[in-house]
PDB file of N, CA and C in Angstrom:
ATOM      1  N   UNK A   1      -4.952  -2.591 -52.955  1.00  0.00           N
ATOM      2  CA  UNK A   1      -4.048  -3.854 -52.992  1.00  0.00           C
ATOM      3  C   UNK A   1      -3.961  -3.657 -54.801  1.00  0.00           C
ATOM      4  N   UNK A   2      -4.817  -4.313 -55.328  1.00  0.00           N
ATOM      5  CA  UNK A   2      -4.738  -4.106 -56.948  1.00  0.00           C
ATOM      6  C   UNK A   2      -4.587  -2.870 -57.580  1.00  0.00           C
ATOM      7  N   UNK A   3      -5.091  -1.812 -57.085  1.00  0.00           N
ATOM      8  CA  UNK A   3      -4.458  -0.118 -57.679  1.00  0.00           C
ATOM      9  C   UNK A   3      -2.958  -0.315 -57.631  1.00  0.00           C
ATOM     10  N   UNK A   4      -2.629  -0.570 -56.097  1.00  0.00           N
ATOM     11  CA  UNK A   4      -0.813  -0.390 -55.948  1.00  0.00           C
ATOM     12  C   UNK A   4       0.217  -0.965 -57.208  1.00  0.00           C
ATOM     13  N   UNK A   5      -0.662  -2.453 -56.993  1.00  0.00           N
ATOM     14  CA  UNK A   5       0.190  -3.480 -57.870  1.00  0.00           C
ATOM     15  C   UNK A   5       0.451  -2.768 -59.296  1.00  0.00           C
ATOM     16  N   UNK A   6      -0.951  -2.125 -59.559  1.00  0.00           N
ATOM     17  CA  UNK A   6      -0.832  -1.571 -60.975  1.00  0.00           C
ATOM     18  C   UNK A   6      -0.477  -0.531 -61.098  1.00  0.00           C
ATOM     19  N   UNK A   7      -0.186   0.661 -59.921  1.00  0.00           N
ATOM     20  CA  UNK A   7       0.558   1.823 -60.740  1.00  0.00           C
ATOM     21  C   UNK A   7       2.009   1.300 -60.263  1.00  0.00           C
ATOM     22  N   UNK A   8       2.389   0.232 -59.789  1.00  0.00           N
ATOM     23  CA  UNK A   8       3.811  -0.221 -59.571  1.00  0.00           C
ATOM     24  C   UNK A   8       4.308  -0.540 -60.774  1.00  0.00           C
ATOM     25  N   UNK A   9       3.495  -1.667 -61.570  1.00  0.00           N
ATOM     26  CA  UNK A   9       3.842  -2.296 -62.640  1.00  0.00           C
ATOM     27  C   UNK A   9       3.632  -0.998 -64.088  1.00  0.00           C
ATOM     28  N   UNK A  10       3.045   0.160 -63.950  1.00  0.00           N
ATOM     29  CA  UNK A  10       2.840   1.035 -64.945  1.00  0.00           C
ATOM     30  C   UNK A  10       3.904   1.889 -64.544  1.00  0.00           C
ATOM     31  N   UNK A  11       4.602   2.383 -63.356  1.00  0.00           N
ATOM     32  CA  UNK A  11       6.031   2.754 -63.100  1.00  0.00           C
ATOM     33  C   UNK A  11       6.874   1.749 -63.854  1.00  0.00           C
ATOM     34  N   UNK A  12       7.165   0.696 -63.740  1.00  0.00           N
ATOM     35  CA  UNK A  12       8.097   0.278 -64.060  1.00  0.00           C
ATOM     36  C   UNK A  12       8.223   0.009 -65.674  1.00  0.00           C
ATOM     37  N   UNK A  13       7.049   0.040 -66.207  1.00  0.00           N
ATOM     38  CA  UNK A  13       7.018  -0.009 -67.388  1.00  0.00           C
ATOM     39  C   UNK A  13       7.508   1.182 -68.518  1.00  0.00           C
ATOM     40  N   UNK A  14       7.253   2.368 -67.419  1.00  0.00           N
ATOM     41  CA  UNK A  14       7.593   4.125 -68.010  1.00  0.00           C
ATOM     42  C   UNK A  14       8.976   4.057 -67.841  1.00  0.00           C
ATOM     43  N   UNK A  15       9.627   3.531 -66.751  1.00  0.00           N
ATOM     44  CA  UNK A  15      10.958   3.265 -66.615  1.00  0.00           C
ATOM     45  C   UNK A  15      11.774   2.909 -67.740  1.00  0.00           C
ATOM     46  N   UNK A  16      11.035   1.391 -67.922  1.00  0.00           N
ATOM     47  CA  UNK A  16      11.611   0.523 -69.242  1.00  0.00           C
ATOM     48  C   UNK A  16      11.687   1.297 -70.457  1.00  0.00           C
ATOM     49  N   UNK A  17      10.746   1.850 -70.662  1.00  0.00           N
ATOM     50  CA  UNK A  17      10.777   3.021 -72.098  1.00  0.00           C
ATOM     51  C   UNK A  17      11.556   4.011 -71.998  1.00  0.00           C
ATOM     52  N   UNK A  18      11.576   4.523 -70.924  1.00  0.00           N
ATOM     53  CA  UNK A  18      12.381   5.904 -70.814  1.00  0.00           C
ATOM     54  C   UNK A  18      13.775   5.053 -71.264  1.00  0.00           C
ATOM     55  N   UNK A  19      14.182   4.159 -70.392  1.00  0.00           N
ATOM     56  CA  UNK A  19      15.245   3.465 -70.639  1.00  0.00           C
ATOM     57  C   UNK A  19      15.741   3.056 -72.216  1.00  0.00           C
ATOM     58  N   UNK A  20      14.621   2.558 -72.709  1.00  0.00           N
ATOM     59  CA  UNK A  20      15.126   2.333 -74.083  1.00  0.00           C
ATOM     60  C   UNK A  20      15.092   3.565 -75.067  1.00  0.00           C
ATOM     61  N   UNK A  21      14.563   4.677 -74.886  1.00  0.00           N
ATOM     62  CA  UNK A  21      14.636   5.541 -75.569  1.00  0.00           C
ATOM     63  C   UNK A  21      15.987   6.395 -75.506  1.00  0.00           C
ATOM     64  N   UNK A  22      16.321   6.199 -74.262  1.00  0.00           N
ATOM     65  CA  UNK A  22      17.657   6.820 -73.511  1.00  0.00           C
ATOM     66  C   UNK A  22      18.586   5.764 -74.664  1.00  0.00           C
ATOM     67  N   UNK A  23      18.807   4.532 -74.535  1.00  0.00           N
ATOM     68  CA  UNK A  23      19.653   3.917 -75.244  1.00  0.00           C
ATOM     69  C   UNK A  23      19.735   3.842 -76.763  1.00  0.00           C
ATOM     70  N   UNK A  24      18.496   4.139 -77.311  1.00  0.00           N
ATOM     71  CA  UNK A  24      17.935   4.421 -78.784  1.00  0.00           C
ATOM     72  C   UNK A  24      19.031   6.307 -79.173  1.00  0.00           C
ATOM     73  N   UNK A  25      18.639   6.658 -78.519  1.00  0.00           N
ATOM     74  CA  UNK A  25      19.497   8.137 -78.841  1.00  0.00           C
ATOM     75  C   UNK A  25      20.834   7.664 -78.147  1.00  0.00           C
ATOM     76  N   UNK A  26      21.190   6.893 -77.460  1.00  0.00           N
ATOM     77  CA  UNK A  26      22.947   6.936 -77.169  1.00  0.00           C
ATOM     78  C   UNK A  26      23.344   6.251 -78.260  1.00  0.00           C
ATOM     79  N   UNK A  27      22.926   5.283 -78.971  1.00  0.00           N
ATOM     80  CA  UNK A  27      23.188   4.499 -80.040  1.00  0.00           C
ATOM     81  C   UNK A  27      23.150   5.035 -81.284  1.00  0.00           C
ATOM     82  N   UNK A  28      22.016   5.989 -81.547  1.00  0.00           N
ATOM     83  CA  UNK A  28      22.164   6.933 -82.927  1.00  0.00           C
ATOM     84  C   UNK A  28      23.614   8.131 -82.740  1.00  0.00           C
ATOM     85  N   UNK A  29      23.586   8.801 -81.626  1.00  0.00           N
ATOM     86  CA  UNK A  29      24.116   9.451 -81.339  1.00  0.00           C
ATOM     87  C   UNK A  29      26.097   9.103 -81.322  1.00  0.00           C
ATOM     88  N   UNK A  30      26.120   7.686 -81.063  1.00  0.00           N
ATOM     89  CA  UNK A  30      27.446   7.144 -81.446  1.00  0.00           C
ATOM     90  C   UNK A  30      27.717   6.856 -82.636  1.00  0.00           C
ATOM     91  N   UNK A  31      26.647   6.473 -83.391  1.00  0.00           N
ATOM     92  CA  UNK A  31      26.799   6.120 -84.864  1.00  0.00           C
ATOM     93  C   UNK A  31      26.876   7.130 -85.741  1.00  0.00           C
ATOM     94  N   UNK A  32      26.317   8.363 -85.291  1.00  0.00           N
ATOM     95  CA  UNK A  32      26.467  10.122 -86.075  1.00  0.00           C
ATOM     96  C   UNK A  32      27.903  10.555 -85.975  1.00  0.00           C
ATOM     97  N   UNK A  33      28.774  10.125 -84.608  1.00  0.00           N
ATOM     98  CA  UNK A  33      29.714  10.366 -84.253  1.00  0.00           C
ATOM     99  C   UNK A  33      30.956   9.715 -85.156  1.00  0.00           C
ATOM    100  N   UNK A  34      30.880   8.586 -85.135  1.00  0.00           N
ATOM    101  CA  UNK A  34      31.556   7.697 -85.771  1.00  0.00           C
ATOM    102  C   UNK A  34      31.888   8.039 -87.183  1.00  0.00           C
ATOM    103  N   UNK A  35      30.311   8.041 -87.831  1.00  0.00           N
ATOM    104  CA  UNK A  35      30.395   8.402 -89.630  1.00  0.00           C
ATOM    105  C   UNK A  35      31.150   9.779 -89.873  1.00  0.00           C
ATOM    106  N   UNK A  36      30.862  10.824 -88.952  1.00  0.00           N
ATOM    107  CA  UNK A  36      31.549  12.211 -89.051  1.00  0.00           C
ATOM    108  C   UNK A  36      32.756  11.974 -89.069  1.00  0.00           C
ATOM    109  N   UNK A  37      33.494  11.130 -87.934  1.00  0.00           N
ATOM    110  CA  UNK A  37      34.877  10.988 -87.836  1.00  0.00           C
ATOM    111  C   UNK A  37      35.217  10.316 -89.056  1.00  0.00           C
ATOM    112  N   UNK A  38      34.743   9.630 -89.707  1.00  0.00           N
ATOM    113  CA  UNK A  38      35.550   8.773 -91.050  1.00  0.00           C
ATOM    114  C   UNK A  38      35.303   9.927 -91.646  1.00  0.00           C
ATOM    115  N   UNK A  39      34.312  10.562 -92.070  1.00  0.00           N
ATOM    116  CA  UNK A  39      34.195  11.412 -92.920  1.00  0.00           C
ATOM    117  C   UNK A  39      35.057  12.682 -93.017  1.00  0.00           C
ATOM    118  N   UNK A  40      35.334  13.269 -91.966  1.00  0.00           N
ATOM    119  CA  UNK A  40      36.440  13.969 -91.849  1.00  0.00           C
ATOM    120  C   UNK A  40      37.996  14.071 -91.925  1.00  0.00           C
ATOM    121  N   UNK A  41      37.917  12.032 -91.570  1.00  0.00           N
ATOM    122  CA  UNK A  41      39.142  11.957 -91.654  1.00  0.00           C
ATOM    123  C   UNK A  41      39.607  11.455 -93.043  1.00  0.00           C
ATOM    124  N   UNK A  42      38.747  11.175 -94.058  1.00  0.00           N
ATOM    125  CA  UNK A  42      38.826  10.822 -95.527  1.00  0.00           C
ATOM    126  C   UNK A  42      39.275  12.925 -96.090  1.00  0.00           C
ATOM    127  N   UNK A  43      38.415  13.363 -95.502  1.00  0.00           N
ATOM    128  CA  UNK A  43      38.850  14.667 -96.311  1.00  0.00           C
ATOM    129  C   UNK A  43      40.396  14.881 -95.946  1.00  0.00           C
ATOM    130  N   UNK A  44      40.700  15.133 -94.793  1.00  0.00           N
ATOM    131  CA  UNK A  44      41.965  15.611 -94.118  1.00  0.00           C
ATOM    132  C   UNK A  44      42.966  15.017 -94.158  1.00  0.00           C
ATOM    133  N   UNK A  45      42.667  13.268 -94.688  1.00  0.00           N
ATOM    134  CA  UNK A  45      44.051  12.431 -94.677  1.00  0.00           C
ATOM    135  C   UNK A  45      45.309  12.395 -95.917  1.00  0.00           C
ATOM    136  N   UNK A  46      45.724  13.640 -96.062  1.00  0.00           N
ATOM    137  CA  UNK A  46      46.899  13.901 -97.082  1.00  0.00           C
ATOM    138  C   UNK A  46      48.213  13.368 -96.596  1.00  0.00           C
ATOM    139  N   UNK A  47      49.255  13.467 -97.657  1.00  0.00           N
ATOM    140  CA  UNK A  47      50.649  13.015 -96.927  1.00  0.00           C
ATOM    141  C   UNK A  47      51.531  14.116 -97.284  1.00  0.00           C
ATOM    142  N   UNK A  48      50.857  15.245 -97.816  1.00  0.00           N
ATOM    143  CA  UNK A  48      52.062  16.014 -98.011  1.00  0.00           C
ATOM    144  C   UNK A  48      52.388  17.272 -96.960  1.00  0.00           C
ATOM    145  N   UNK A  49      51.200  17.325 -95.998  1.00  0.00           N
ATOM    146  CA  UNK A  49      51.106  18.384 -94.921  1.00  0.00           C
ATOM    147  C   UNK A  49      51.042  17.640 -93.534  1.00  0.00           C
ATOM    148  N   UNK A  50      51.391  17.685 -92.769  1.00  0.00           N
ATOM    149  CA  UNK A  50      51.489  17.387 -91.430  1.00  0.00           C
ATOM    150  C   UNK A  50      52.114  17.922 -90.057  1.00  0.00           C
ATOM    151  N   UNK A  51      51.241  18.147 -89.455  1.00  0.00           N
ATOM    152  CA  UNK A  51      51.519  18.860 -88.217  1.00  0.00           C
ATOM    153  C   UNK A  51      52.339  17.790 -86.708  1.00  0.00           C
ATOM    154  N   UNK A  52      53.973  18.305 -86.865  1.00  0.00           N
ATOM    155  CA  UNK A  52      54.815  17.509 -86.359  1.00  0.00           C
ATOM    156  C   UNK A  52      54.612  17.849 -84.611  1.00  0.00           C
ATOM    157  N   UNK A  53      54.685  18.737 -84.483  1.00  0.00           N
ATOM    158  CA  UNK A  53      54.458  19.185 -82.996  1.00  0.00           C
ATOM    159  C   UNK A  53      54.103  20.716 -82.889  1.00  0.00           C
ATOM    160  N   UNK A  54      53.452  20.864 -81.624  1.00  0.00           N
ATOM    161  CA  UNK A  54      52.065  21.957 -81.136  1.00  0.00           C
ATOM    162  C   UNK A  54      52.654  22.452 -79.694  1.00  0.00           C
ATOM    163  N   UNK A  55      52.932  23.695 -79.712  1.00  0.00           N
ATOM    164  CA  UNK A  55      53.642  24.061 -78.063  1.00  0.00           C
ATOM    165  C   UNK A  55      52.764  25.344 -78.143  1.00  0.00           C
ATOM    166  N   UNK A  56      51.484  25.233 -77.047  1.00  0.00           N
ATOM    167  CA  UNK A  56      50.879  25.911 -76.575  1.00  0.00           C
ATOM    168  C   UNK A  56      51.589  27.237 -75.500  1.00  0.00           C
ATOM    169  N   UNK A  57      51.086  28.286 -76.116  1.00  0.00           N
ATOM    170  CA  UNK A  57      51.870  29.518 -75.542  1.00  0.00           C
ATOM    171  C   UNK A  57      50.903  30.253 -74.472  1.00  0.00           C
ATOM    172  N   UNK A  58      49.191  30.425 -75.063  1.00  0.00           N
ATOM    173  CA  UNK A  58      48.356  31.048 -73.900  1.00  0.00           C
ATOM    174  C   UNK A  58      47.337  30.101 -74.539  1.00  0.00           C
ATOM    175  N   UNK A  59      45.988  30.378 -74.016  1.00  0.00           N
ATOM    176  CA  UNK A  59      44.748  29.999 -74.749  1.00  0.00           C
ATOM    177  C   UNK A  59      44.591  29.828 -75.881  1.00  0.00           C
ATOM    178  N   UNK A  60      44.707  30.763 -76.736  1.00  0.00           N
ATOM    179  CA  UNK A  60      44.451  30.679 -78.363  1.00  0.00           C
ATOM    180  C   UNK A  60      45.605  31.201 -78.864  1.00  0.00           C
ATOM    181  N   UNK A  61      46.838  30.701 -78.584  1.00  0.00           N
ATOM    182  CA  UNK A  61      47.958  30.932 -79.607  1.00  0.00           C
ATOM    183  C   UNK A  61      49.080  29.790 -79.180  1.00  0.00           C
ATOM    184  N   UNK A  62      49.564  29.678 -80.635  1.00  0.00           N
ATOM    185  CA  UNK A  62      50.225  28.259 -80.171  1.00  0.00           C
ATOM    186  C   UNK A  62      51.422  28.248 -81.340  1.00  0.00           C
ATOM    187  N   UNK A  63      52.647  27.674 -81.190  1.00  0.00           N
ATOM    188  CA  UNK A  63      53.863  27.376 -82.218  1.00  0.00           C
ATOM    189  C   UNK A  63      53.783  26.197 -82.753  1.00  0.00           C
ATOM    190  N   UNK A  64      53.548  25.883 -83.932  1.00  0.00           N
ATOM    191  CA  UNK A  64      53.551  25.005 -84.643  1.00  0.00           C
ATOM    192  C   UNK A  64      54.319  24.506 -85.317  1.00  0.00           C
ATOM    193  N   UNK A  65      55.009  22.855 -85.724  1.00  0.00           N
ATOM    194  CA  UNK A  65      56.023  22.488 -86.586  1.00  0.00           C
ATOM    195  C   UNK A  65      55.459  21.911 -87.827  1.00  0.00           C
ATOM    196  N   UNK A  66      55.333  22.431 -88.645  1.00  0.00           N
ATOM    197  CA  UNK A  66      54.271  21.505 -90.169  1.00  0.00           C
ATOM    198  C   UNK A  66      55.215  20.992 -90.924  1.00  0.00           C
ATOM    199  N   UNK A  67      55.137  19.608 -90.985  1.00  0.00           N
ATOM    200  CA  UNK A  67      55.887  19.302 -92.457  1.00  0.00           C
ATOM    201  C   UNK A  67      55.228  19.496 -93.801  1.00  0.00           C
ATOM    202  N   UNK A  68      55.983  20.218 -94.376  1.00  0.00           N
ATOM    203  CA  UNK A  68      55.310  20.499 -95.984  1.00  0.00           C
ATOM    204  C   UNK A  68      56.265  19.853 -97.499  1.00  0.00           C
ATOM    205  N   UNK A  69      55.543  18.504 -97.567  1.00  0.00           N
ATOM    206  CA  UNK A  69      56.371  18.252 -98.273  1.00  0.00           C
ATOM    207  C   UNK A  69      57.833  17.617 -97.770  1.00  0.00           C
ATOM    208  N   UNK A  70      59.059  18.137 -97.993  1.00  0.00           N
ATOM    209  CA  UNK A  70      60.195  17.709 -97.684  1.00  0.00           C
ATOM    210  C   UNK A  70      60.430  18.815 -96.745  1.00  0.00           C
ATOM    211  N   UNK A  71      59.894  20.130 -96.461  1.00  0.00           N
ATOM    212  CA  UNK A  71      60.265  21.378 -95.592  1.00  0.00           C
ATOM    213  C   UNK A  71      59.500  21.163 -94.487  1.00  0.00           C
ATOM    214  N   UNK A  72      60.274  21.803 -93.351  1.00  0.00           N
ATOM    215  CA  UNK A  72      59.813  21.900 -92.089  1.00  0.00           C
ATOM    216  C   UNK A  72      59.381  23.475 -91.861  1.00  0.00           C
ATOM    217  N   UNK A  73      58.182  23.922 -91.631  1.00  0.00           N
ATOM    218  CA  UNK A  73      58.164  25.231 -90.958  1.00  0.00           C
ATOM    219  C   UNK A  73      57.535  25.516 -89.578  1.00  0.00           C
ATOM    220  N   UNK A  74      57.906  26.503 -89.012  1.00  0.00           N
ATOM    221  CA  UNK A  74      57.553  26.928 -87.737  1.00  0.00           C
ATOM    222  C   UNK A  74      56.538  28.040 -87.991  1.00  0.00           C
ATOM    223  N   UNK A  75      55.372  27.942 -87.625  1.00  0.00           N
ATOM    224  CA  UNK A  75      54.253  29.026 -87.355  1.00  0.00           C
ATOM    225  C   UNK A  75      53.779  29.414 -86.436  1.00  0.00           C
ATOM    226  N   UNK A  76      52.981  30.670 -86.098  1.00  0.00           N
ATOM    227  CA  UNK A  76      52.344  30.790 -84.978  1.00  0.00           C
ATOM    228  C   UNK A  76      50.821  30.963 -85.834  1.00  0.00           C
ATOM    229  N   UNK A  77      49.897  30.427 -85.044  1.00  0.00           N
ATOM    230  CA  UNK A  77      48.611  30.205 -84.954  1.00  0.00           C
ATOM    231  C   UNK A  77      47.957  30.786 -83.552  1.00  0.00           C
ATOM    232  N   UNK A  78      47.471  31.744 -84.029  1.00  0.00           N
ATOM    233  CA  UNK A  78      46.469  32.718 -83.268  1.00  0.00           C
ATOM    234  C   UNK A  78      44.976  32.547 -83.575  1.00  0.00           C
ATOM    235  N   UNK A  79      43.997  33.301 -82.776  1.00  0.00           N
ATOM    236  CA  UNK A  79      42.799  33.048 -82.852  1.00  0.00           C
ATOM    237  C   UNK A  79      42.180  32.764 -84.294  1.00  0.00           C
ATOM    238  N   UNK A  80      42.813  34.114 -85.058  1.00  0.00           N
ATOM    239  CA  UNK A  80      42.336  34.903 -86.527  1.00  0.00           C
ATOM    240  C   UNK A  80      43.147  34.748 -87.532  1.00  0.00           C
ATOM    241  N   UNK A  81      44.558  34.414 -87.312  1.00  0.00           N
ATOM    242  CA  UNK A  81      45.726  34.275 -88.046  1.00  0.00           C
ATOM    243  C   UNK A  81      46.865  33.232 -87.874  1.00  0.00           C
ATOM    244  N   UNK A  82      47.244  33.082 -88.890  1.00  0.00           N
ATOM    245  CA  UNK A  82      48.603  32.154 -89.027  1.00  0.00           C
ATOM    246  C   UNK A  82      49.533  32.873 -89.838  1.00  0.00           C
ATOM    247  N   UNK A  83      50.834  32.892 -88.826  1.00  0.00           N
ATOM    248  CA  UNK A  83      52.049  33.580 -89.459  1.00  0.00           C
ATOM    249  C   UNK A  83      53.146  32.596 -89.500  1.00  0.00           C
ATOM    250  N   UNK A  84      53.926  32.419 -90.925  1.00  0.00           N
ATOM    251  CA  UNK A  84      55.030  31.676 -90.682  1.00  0.00           C
ATOM    252  C   UNK A  84      56.428  32.360 -89.984  1.00  0.00           C
ATOM    253  N   UNK A  85      56.924  31.609 -89.086  1.00  0.00           N
ATOM    254  CA  UNK A  85      58.118  32.458 -88.454  1.00  0.00           C
ATOM    255  C   UNK A  85      59.450  31.864 -88.993  1.00  0.00           C
ATOM    256  N   UNK A  86      59.422  31.133 -89.473  1.00  0.00           N
ATOM    257  CA  UNK A  86      60.745  30.312 -90.194  1.00  0.00           C
ATOM    258  C   UNK A  86      60.603  29.194 -91.093  1.00  0.00           C
ATOM    259  N   UNK A  87      61.615  28.924 -91.424  1.00  0.00           N
ATOM    260  CA  UNK A  87      61.621  27.528 -92.115  1.00  0.00           C
ATOM    261  C   UNK A  87      63.242  26.601 -91.211  1.00  0.00           C
ATOM    262  N   UNK A  88      62.896  25.427 -91.075  1.00  0.00           N
ATOM    263  CA  UNK A  88      63.780  24.797 -90.469  1.00  0.00           C
ATOM    264  C   UNK A  88      64.265  23.713 -90.964  1.00  0.00           C
ATOM    265  N   UNK A  89      65.645  23.490 -91.185  1.00  0.00           N
ATOM    266  CA  UNK A  89      66.282  22.507 -91.633  1.00  0.00           C
ATOM    267  C   UNK A  89      65.926  21.291 -91.288  1.00  0.00           C
ATOM    268  N   UNK A  90      65.441  20.155 -91.993  1.00  0.00           N
ATOM    269  CA  UNK A  90      65.357  18.819 -91.425  1.00  0.00           C
ATOM    270  C   UNK A  90      66.346  18.210 -90.560  1.00  0.00           C
ATOM    271  N   UNK A  91      67.662  18.777 -90.551  1.00  0.00           N
ATOM    272  CA  UNK A  91      68.429  18.101 -89.589  1.00  0.00           C
ATOM    273  C   UNK A  91      68.063  18.590 -88.419  1.00  0.00           C
ATOM    274  N   UNK A  92      67.696  19.846 -88.169  1.00  0.00           N
ATOM    275  CA  UNK A  92      67.215  20.210 -86.588  1.00  0.00           C
ATOM    276  C   UNK A  92      66.028  19.744 -86.058  1.00  0.00           C
ATOM    277  N   UNK A  93      65.416  19.126 -86.778  1.00  0.00           N
ATOM    278  CA  UNK A  93      64.183  18.067 -86.236  1.00  0.00           C
ATOM    279  C   UNK A  93      64.523  16.940 -85.470  1.00  0.00           C
ATOM    280  N   UNK A  94      63.908  16.776 -84.047  1.00  0.00           N
ATOM    281  CA  UNK A  94      64.203  15.805 -83.339  1.00  0.00           C
ATOM    282  C   UNK A  94      62.806  15.017 -83.532  1.00  0.00           C
ATOM    283  N   UNK A  95      62.207  13.911 -84.041  1.00  0.00           N
ATOM    284  CA  UNK A  95      60.935  13.439 -83.843  1.00  0.00           C
ATOM    285  C   UNK A  95      61.364  12.384 -83.118  1.00  0.00           C
ATOM    286  N   UNK A  96      59.885  12.031 -82.311  1.00  0.00           N
ATOM    287  CA  UNK A  96      59.822  11.402 -81.103  1.00  0.00           C
ATOM    288  C   UNK A  96      60.084   9.661 -81.658  1.00  0.00           C
ATOM    289  N   UNK A  97      60.903   9.038 -81.037  1.00  0.00           N
ATOM    290  CA  UNK A  97      60.853   7.566 -81.050  1.00  0.00           C
ATOM    291  C   UNK A  97      59.742   6.474 -81.446  1.00  0.00           C
ATOM    292  N   UNK A  98      58.717   7.153 -80.627  1.00  0.00           N
ATOM    293  CA  UNK A  98      57.306   6.207 -80.949  1.00  0.00           C
ATOM    294  C   UNK A  98      56.417   7.042 -81.427  1.00  0.00           C
ATOM    295  N   UNK A  99      55.185   6.989 -82.383  1.00  0.00           N
ATOM    296  CA  UNK A  99      54.303   7.936 -82.380  1.00  0.00           C
ATOM    297  C   UNK A  99      53.641   8.443 -81.376  1.00  0.00           C
ATOM    298  N   UNK A 100      53.559   9.812 -81.527  1.00  0.00           N
ATOM    299  CA  UNK A 100      52.930  11.093 -80.638  1.00  0.00           C
ATOM    300  C   UNK A 100      51.110   9.967 -80.149  1.00  0.00           C
ATOM    301  N   UNK A 101      50.318   9.627 -81.500  1.00  0.00           N
ATOM    302  CA  UNK A 101      49.196   9.165 -81.277  1.00  0.00           C
ATOM    303  C   UNK A 101      49.259   7.800 -80.624  1.00  0.00           C
ATOM    304  N   UNK A 102      50.112   6.880 -80.326  1.00  0.00           N
ATOM    305  CA  UNK A 102      49.936   5.682 -79.925  1.00  0.00           C
ATOM    306  C   UNK A 102      49.562   5.993 -77.900  1.00  0.00           C
ATOM    307  N   UNK A 103      48.651   5.219 -78.033  1.00  0.00           N
ATOM    308  CA  UNK A 103      48.253   5.059 -76.506  1.00  0.00           C
ATOM    309  C   UNK A 103      48.975   4.125 -75.838  1.00  0.00           C
ATOM    310  N   UNK A 104      49.151   4.274 -74.391  1.00  0.00           N
ATOM    311  CA  UNK A 104      49.766   3.467 -73.689  1.00  0.00           C
ATOM    312  C   UNK A 104      49.017   1.808 -73.350  1.00  0.00           C
ATOM    313  N   UNK A 105      49.265   0.830 -72.921  1.00  0.00           N
ATOM    314  CA  UNK A 105      48.654  -0.367 -73.145  1.00  0.00           C
ATOM    315  C   UNK A 105      48.098  -0.342 -71.813  1.00  0.00           C
ATOM    316  N   UNK A 106      46.510   0.008 -71.517  1.00  0.00           N
ATOM    317  CA  UNK A 106      45.719   0.235 -70.104  1.00  0.00           C
ATOM    318  C   UNK A 106      46.164  -1.328 -69.461  1.00  0.00           C
ATOM    319  N   UNK A 107      46.247  -2.290 -70.030  1.00  0.00           N
ATOM    320  CA  UNK A 107      46.359  -3.549 -69.112  1.00  0.00           C
ATOM    321  C   UNK A 107      47.521  -3.567 -68.088  1.00  0.00           C
ATOM    322  N   UNK A 108      48.532  -2.961 -68.942  1.00  0.00           N
ATOM    323  CA  UNK A 108      50.036  -2.925 -68.331  1.00  0.00           C
ATOM    324  C   UNK A 108      50.072  -1.969 -66.942  1.00  0.00           C
ATOM    325  N   UNK A 109      49.202  -0.936 -67.303  1.00  0.00           N
ATOM    326  CA  UNK A 109      49.107   0.497 -66.391  1.00  0.00           C
ATOM    327  C   UNK A 109      48.213  -0.304 -65.044  1.00  0.00           C
ATOM    328  N   UNK A 110      47.116  -1.205 -65.605  1.00  0.00           N
ATOM    329  CA  UNK A 110      46.074  -1.921 -64.759  1.00  0.00           C
ATOM    330  C   UNK A 110      46.817  -2.503 -63.269  1.00  0.00           C
ATOM    331  N   UNK A 111      47.538  -3.738 -64.356  1.00  0.00           N
ATOM    332  CA  UNK A 111      48.291  -4.654 -63.774  1.00  0.00           C
ATOM    333  C   UNK A 111      49.504  -3.882 -62.726  1.00  0.00           C
ATOM    334  N   UNK A 112      50.316  -3.051 -63.149  1.00  0.00           N
ATOM    335  CA  UNK A 112      50.915  -2.375 -61.974  1.00  0.00           C
ATOM    336  C   UNK A 112      50.367  -1.701 -61.236  1.00  0.00           C
ATOM    337  N   UNK A 113      49.143  -1.051 -61.141  1.00  0.00           N
ATOM    338  CA  UNK A 113      48.488  -0.184 -60.569  1.00  0.00           C
ATOM    339  C   UNK A 113      48.203  -1.058 -59.218  1.00  0.00           C
ATOM    340  N   UNK A 114      47.706  -2.450 -59.525  1.00  0.00           N
ATOM    341  CA  UNK A 114      47.222  -3.296 -58.838  1.00  0.00           C
ATOM    342  C   UNK A 114      48.453  -3.738 -57.804  1.00  0.00           C
ATOM    343  N   UNK A 115      49.490  -4.503 -58.435  1.00  0.00           N
ATOM    344  CA  UNK A 115      50.568  -4.628 -57.907  1.00  0.00           C
ATOM    345  C   UNK A 115      50.956  -3.580 -56.834  1.00  0.00           C
ATOM    346  N   UNK A 116      50.970  -2.267 -56.917  1.00  0.00           N
ATOM    347  CA  UNK A 116      51.498  -1.259 -56.350  1.00  0.00           C
ATOM    348  C   UNK A 116      50.517  -1.500 -54.526  1.00  0.00           C
ATOM    349  N   UNK A 117      49.145  -1.469 -55.099  1.00  0.00           N
ATOM    350  CA  UNK A 117      48.177  -1.612 -53.980  1.00  0.00           C
ATOM    351  C   UNK A 117      48.252  -2.675 -53.129  1.00  0.00           C
ATOM    352  N   UNK A 118      48.565  -3.954 -53.700  1.00  0.00           N
ATOM    353  CA  UNK A 118      48.872  -5.226 -53.112  1.00  0.00           C
ATOM    354  C   UNK A 118      50.071  -4.718 -52.444  1.00  0.00           C
ATOM    355  N   UNK A 119      51.320  -4.427 -52.622  1.00  0.00           N
ATOM    356  CA  UNK A 119      52.326  -4.112 -52.114  1.00  0.00           C
ATOM    357  C   UNK A 119      52.002  -3.032 -50.856  1.00  0.00           C
ATOM    358  N   UNK A 120      51.206  -2.031 -50.850  1.00  0.00           N
ATOM    359  CA  UNK A 120      50.858  -1.206 -49.759  1.00  0.00           C
ATOM    360  C   UNK A 120      50.017  -2.135 -48.534  1.00  0.00           C
ATOM    361  N   UNK A 121      49.263  -2.817 -49.219  1.00  0.00           N
ATOM    362  CA  UNK A 121      48.656  -3.618 -48.091  1.00  0.00           C
ATOM    363  C   UNK A 121      49.280  -4.490 -47.479  1.00  0.00           C
ATOM    364  N   UNK A 122      50.278  -5.215 -47.809  1.00  0.00           N
ATOM    365  CA  UNK A 122      51.015  -6.183 -47.526  1.00  0.00           C
ATOM    366  C   UNK A 122      51.959  -5.391 -46.646  1.00  0.00           C
ATOM    367  N   UNK A 123      52.233  -4.370 -46.751  1.00  0.00           N
ATOM    368  CA  UNK A 123      53.411  -3.637 -45.717  1.00  0.00           C
ATOM    369  C   UNK A 123      52.443  -3.227 -44.876  1.00  0.00           C
ATOM    370  N   UNK A 124      51.243  -2.896 -44.626  1.00  0.00           N
ATOM    371  CA  UNK A 124      50.180  -2.396 -43.359  1.00  0.00           C
ATOM    372  C   UNK A 124      49.978  -3.709 -42.713  1.00  0.00           C
TER     373      UNK A 124
END
């Protein structure tokens, strides 16, 4: 009986140790990723060059519109090359009303989904 309790306690302590090591590695990984992202953001944070839009043609081929200073350029980006296609007049560029990087509000989406679910349940 005592041996069973002891082995159970030993297993629990091993589990807790593995869990703590896993959490430690997870925190270290998160901190390293955050540090690298900030480091990269600082290196590429220019104001004269900006990718306005990217269109994927195939798995490794893209057409991008790039703003360099006051000029807009269309370039083809392939696996090993970047080729300038044309210069686009600023009047022909249609910029989106809201920033592309802005994320939708998750709370609003979740509330809408809850209301749809509630309405479906009431109909049944």
